[in-house]
């Protein structure tokens, strides 16, 4: 493989959480008086850190979200995860192949550390990740589309950015990877390929990825 480190986004790439999380987010924002459809939630917030939700709501409405917004959102999301969350089809097999091939990998997610771990425990992906291989937007000052999170992950993993490849499914994540100077492959299971502009390549099934990275 021509890369020394594979950096995975988490939501929508490793765990199939985007439909669950965005349904809950859209419903909660609407409940709070900020009407949001599921499609609008995907468009505006998929791949973003929570501060983007706060920023866009205040920018559009002039109102701040309540102080307990994140606590309530995560409580609802984690409860739904326990009932519905599964790993992305083929994700575990891909991680197993990387281990067998001796390729280092990590996860760099806009989600909180708690959200990452809850999802991994529910889906069984926790067995594939050491604690020091998990990075969250909580670890840096700016979330995606800023490059900070991916650069932080590369530094902590001891690999130069140009030797890293990012696996993403959101426009914000692709923008962040490109800003970090990394190749990025776009997973098109949810997001149309024409929304993931600037990627190194596309794939729609995890089984296609090893050949692309070879």
Protein backbone atom coordinates (compact mmCIF):
# COMPACT_ATOMS: atom_id res chain seq x y z
CA UNK A 1 0.00 0.00 0.00
CA UNK A 2 1.32 3.43 -0.92
CA UNK A 3 0.09 5.05 2.32
CA UNK A 4 1.50 4.66 5.80
CA UNK A 5 -1.67 5.65 7.64
CA UNK A 6 -5.38 5.30 6.85
CA UNK A 7 -7.49 7.89 8.70
CA UNK A 8 -11.16 6.98 8.89
CA UNK A 9 -14.02 9.32 9.49
CA UNK A 10 -16.41 7.53 11.83
CA UNK A 11 -20.05 8.42 11.26
CA UNK A 12 -21.25 6.99 7.97
CA UNK A 13 -17.87 5.39 7.22
CA UNK A 14 -17.37 2.92 10.08
CA UNK A 15 -20.75 3.06 11.82
CA UNK A 16 -24.04 3.61 10.00
CA UNK A 17 -25.04 6.47 12.27
CA UNK A 18 -25.81 9.35 9.91
CA UNK A 19 -29.48 8.45 9.24
CA UNK A 20 -30.12 8.04 12.97
CA UNK A 21 -28.23 11.13 14.12
CA UNK A 22 -29.58 13.46 11.46
CA UNK A 23 -33.16 12.34 11.98
CA UNK A 24 -32.81 13.14 15.67
CA UNK A 25 -30.99 16.43 15.04
CA UNK A 26 -33.58 17.65 12.53
CA UNK A 27 -36.42 16.72 14.85
CA UNK A 28 -34.85 18.37 17.90
CA UNK A 29 -34.03 21.60 16.06
CA UNK A 30 -37.59 21.72 14.74
CA UNK A 31 -38.91 21.11 18.26
CA UNK A 32 -36.87 24.09 19.47
CA UNK A 33 -38.41 26.38 16.85
CA UNK A 34 -35.77 26.05 14.12
CA UNK A 35 -37.59 24.01 11.43
CA UNK A 36 -35.15 21.60 9.83
CA UNK A 37 -35.79 18.67 7.52
CA UNK A 38 -33.72 15.51 7.46
CA UNK A 39 -32.34 16.53 4.06
CA UNK A 40 -31.36 19.96 5.39
CA UNK A 41 -29.61 18.39 8.34
CA UNK A 42 -27.54 16.21 6.01
CA UNK A 43 -26.74 19.21 3.82
CA UNK A 44 -25.74 21.56 6.63
CA UNK A 45 -24.38 19.37 9.42
CA UNK A 46 -23.24 15.99 8.11
CA UNK A 47 -19.58 15.59 9.01
CA UNK A 48 -19.50 18.72 11.17
CA UNK A 49 -18.66 19.27 14.81
CA UNK A 50 -21.47 20.41 17.09
CA UNK A 51 -20.24 23.99 17.17
CA UNK A 52 -21.36 24.32 13.55
CA UNK A 53 -24.96 23.60 14.61
CA UNK A 54 -24.77 26.33 17.23
CA UNK A 55 -23.13 28.76 14.82
CA UNK A 56 -25.55 28.26 11.93
CA UNK A 57 -28.67 28.42 14.09
CA UNK A 58 -27.52 31.66 15.70
CA UNK A 59 -26.46 33.11 12.35
CA UNK A 60 -29.82 32.32 10.77
CA UNK A 61 -32.17 33.08 13.63
CA UNK A 62 -30.27 35.39 15.96
CA UNK A 63 -31.05 32.95 18.77
CA UNK A 64 -28.77 30.72 20.78
CA UNK A 65 -29.53 27.08 21.33
CA UNK A 66 -30.22 26.11 24.96
CA UNK A 67 -27.32 25.36 27.27
CA UNK A 68 -28.32 21.71 27.51
CA UNK A 69 -28.72 21.27 23.75
CA UNK A 70 -25.80 18.90 23.28
CA UNK A 71 -26.58 16.85 26.39
CA UNK A 72 -30.17 16.33 25.24
CA UNK A 73 -29.17 15.62 21.64
CA UNK A 74 -26.57 13.04 22.65
CA UNK A 75 -28.90 11.37 25.17
CA UNK A 76 -31.52 10.90 22.45
CA UNK A 77 -28.93 9.78 19.91
CA UNK A 78 -27.24 7.26 22.20
CA UNK A 79 -30.60 5.77 23.14
CA UNK A 80 -31.39 5.31 19.45
CA UNK A 81 -27.93 3.84 18.85
CA UNK A 82 -28.64 1.11 21.39
CA UNK A 83 -31.71 0.10 19.41
CA UNK A 84 -30.65 0.66 15.80
CA UNK A 85 -26.93 1.22 15.21
CA UNK A 86 -24.93 -1.23 13.11
CA UNK A 87 -21.47 -1.13 11.57
CA UNK A 88 -21.17 -0.07 7.94
CA UNK A 89 -21.27 -3.18 5.79
CA UNK A 90 -17.73 -4.38 5.15
CA UNK A 91 -16.06 -2.08 7.68
CA UNK A 92 -14.93 -4.86 10.00
CA UNK A 93 -13.58 -6.94 7.12
CA UNK A 94 -11.62 -3.91 5.87
CA UNK A 95 -10.09 -3.28 9.30
CA UNK A 96 -9.12 -6.93 9.48
CA UNK A 97 -7.37 -6.68 6.14
CA UNK A 98 -5.43 -3.60 7.25
CA UNK A 99 -4.27 -5.44 10.36
CA UNK A 100 -3.27 -8.47 8.29
CA UNK A 101 -1.34 -6.25 5.89
CA UNK A 102 0.38 -4.36 8.70
CA UNK A 103 -1.11 -0.98 7.72
CA UNK A 104 -1.63 1.57 10.52
CA UNK A 105 -5.04 3.21 10.83
CA UNK A 106 -6.98 5.48 13.17
CA UNK A 107 -10.31 7.30 13.39
CA UNK A 108 -10.70 11.10 13.30
CA UNK A 109 -14.30 12.13 13.86
CA UNK A 110 -16.25 15.34 14.30
CA UNK A 111 -18.24 13.47 16.95
CA UNK A 112 -17.37 13.54 20.61
CA UNK A 113 -15.14 10.89 22.17
CA UNK A 114 -18.20 9.53 23.95
CA UNK A 115 -20.17 9.29 20.72
CA UNK A 116 -17.33 7.43 18.98
CA UNK A 117 -16.96 4.96 21.83
CA UNK A 118 -20.69 4.37 22.29
CA UNK A 119 -20.96 3.55 18.59
CA UNK A 120 -17.93 1.30 18.57
CA UNK A 121 -19.07 -0.65 21.62
CA UNK A 122 -22.55 -1.16 20.17
CA UNK A 123 -21.25 -2.40 16.82
CA UNK A 124 -18.27 -4.38 18.10
CA UNK A 125 -15.75 -2.15 16.33
CA UNK A 126 -14.14 -1.30 19.66
CA UNK A 127 -12.02 -4.46 19.34
CA UNK A 128 -10.26 -2.89 16.36
CA UNK A 129 -9.22 0.41 17.99
CA UNK A 130 -6.74 1.14 20.74
CA UNK A 131 -7.53 4.24 22.78
CA UNK A 132 -4.62 6.13 21.27
CA UNK A 133 -5.98 5.56 17.75
CA UNK A 134 -9.17 7.56 18.39
CA UNK A 135 -9.31 11.30 17.69
CA UNK A 136 -12.23 13.70 18.05
CA UNK A 137 -12.91 17.30 17.15
CA UNK A 138 -12.90 17.78 20.94
CA UNK A 139 -9.11 17.39 20.73
CA UNK A 140 -8.59 20.47 18.54
CA UNK A 141 -9.78 24.06 18.39
CA UNK A 142 -11.55 23.85 15.04
CA UNK A 143 -13.53 20.99 13.57
CA UNK A 144 -13.95 20.07 9.91
CA UNK A 145 -13.70 21.68 7.35
CA UNK A 146 -10.56 23.01 9.06
CA UNK A 147 -7.61 20.61 8.67
CA UNK A 148 -6.73 20.66 12.37
CA UNK A 149 -8.21 17.28 13.32
CA UNK A 150 -6.54 15.33 10.52
CA UNK A 151 -3.21 17.05 11.11
CA UNK A 152 -3.50 16.29 14.83
CA UNK A 153 -4.21 12.62 14.12
CA UNK A 154 -1.25 12.34 11.74
CA UNK A 155 1.08 14.00 14.24
CA UNK A 156 -0.03 11.76 17.10
CA UNK A 157 0.31 8.67 14.91
CA UNK A 158 3.78 9.80 13.79
CA UNK A 159 3.09 9.95 10.06
CA UNK A 160 3.68 12.88 7.69
CA UNK A 161 0.45 14.27 6.18
CA UNK A 162 1.51 13.43 2.63
CA UNK A 163 1.81 9.75 3.64
CA UNK A 164 -1.77 9.66 4.98
CA UNK A 165 -5.04 8.89 3.24
CA UNK A 166 -8.45 9.92 4.57
CA UNK A 167 -11.69 7.98 4.11
CA UNK A 168 -14.64 10.39 4.17
CA UNK A 169 -18.31 10.61 3.26
CA UNK A 170 -19.06 14.32 3.72
CA UNK A 171 -18.13 17.48 1.81
CA UNK A 172 -16.84 19.08 5.01
CA UNK A 173 -14.58 16.11 5.68
CA UNK A 174 -13.24 16.08 2.13
CA UNK A 175 -12.47 19.79 2.39
CA UNK A 176 -10.64 19.22 5.68
CA UNK A 177 -8.54 16.38 4.26
CA UNK A 178 -7.55 18.40 1.22
CA UNK A 179 -6.63 21.36 3.43
CA UNK A 180 -4.42 18.99 5.43
CA UNK A 181 -2.56 18.00 2.26
CA UNK A 182 -3.83 14.43 2.32
CA UNK A 183 -5.33 12.22 -0.35
CA UNK A 184 -8.99 11.50 0.34
CA UNK A 185 -11.36 8.83 -0.95
CA UNK A 186 -15.06 9.57 -0.95
CA UNK A 187 -17.55 6.96 0.25
CA UNK A 188 -20.75 7.47 -1.74
CA UNK A 189 -23.17 5.24 0.17
CA UNK A 190 -25.18 8.30 1.29
CA UNK A 191 -23.68 11.37 -0.34
CA UNK A 192 -23.80 11.66 -4.16
CA UNK A 193 -20.39 11.68 -5.80
CA UNK A 194 -20.97 15.16 -7.24
CA UNK A 195 -21.16 16.53 -3.69
CA UNK A 196 -17.72 15.14 -2.83
CA UNK A 197 -15.72 17.34 -5.15
CA UNK A 198 -11.95 17.21 -5.08
CA UNK A 199 -11.54 13.64 -3.88
CA UNK A 200 -8.72 11.39 -5.03
CA UNK A 201 -11.29 8.74 -5.94
CA UNK A 202 -14.75 7.39 -5.11
CA UNK A 203 -16.07 4.08 -3.86
CA UNK A 204 -19.54 2.84 -2.97
CA UNK A 205 -18.65 -0.42 -1.20
CA UNK A 206 -15.95 -1.07 1.41
CA UNK A 207 -14.73 -4.08 -0.54
CA UNK A 208 -13.57 -1.71 -3.29
CA UNK A 209 -11.26 0.29 -1.04
CA UNK A 210 -8.18 -1.98 -0.70
CA UNK A 211 -7.63 -1.95 -4.47
CA UNK A 212 -7.91 1.85 -4.55
CA UNK A 213 -5.32 2.23 -1.78
CA UNK A 214 -2.87 -0.33 -3.18
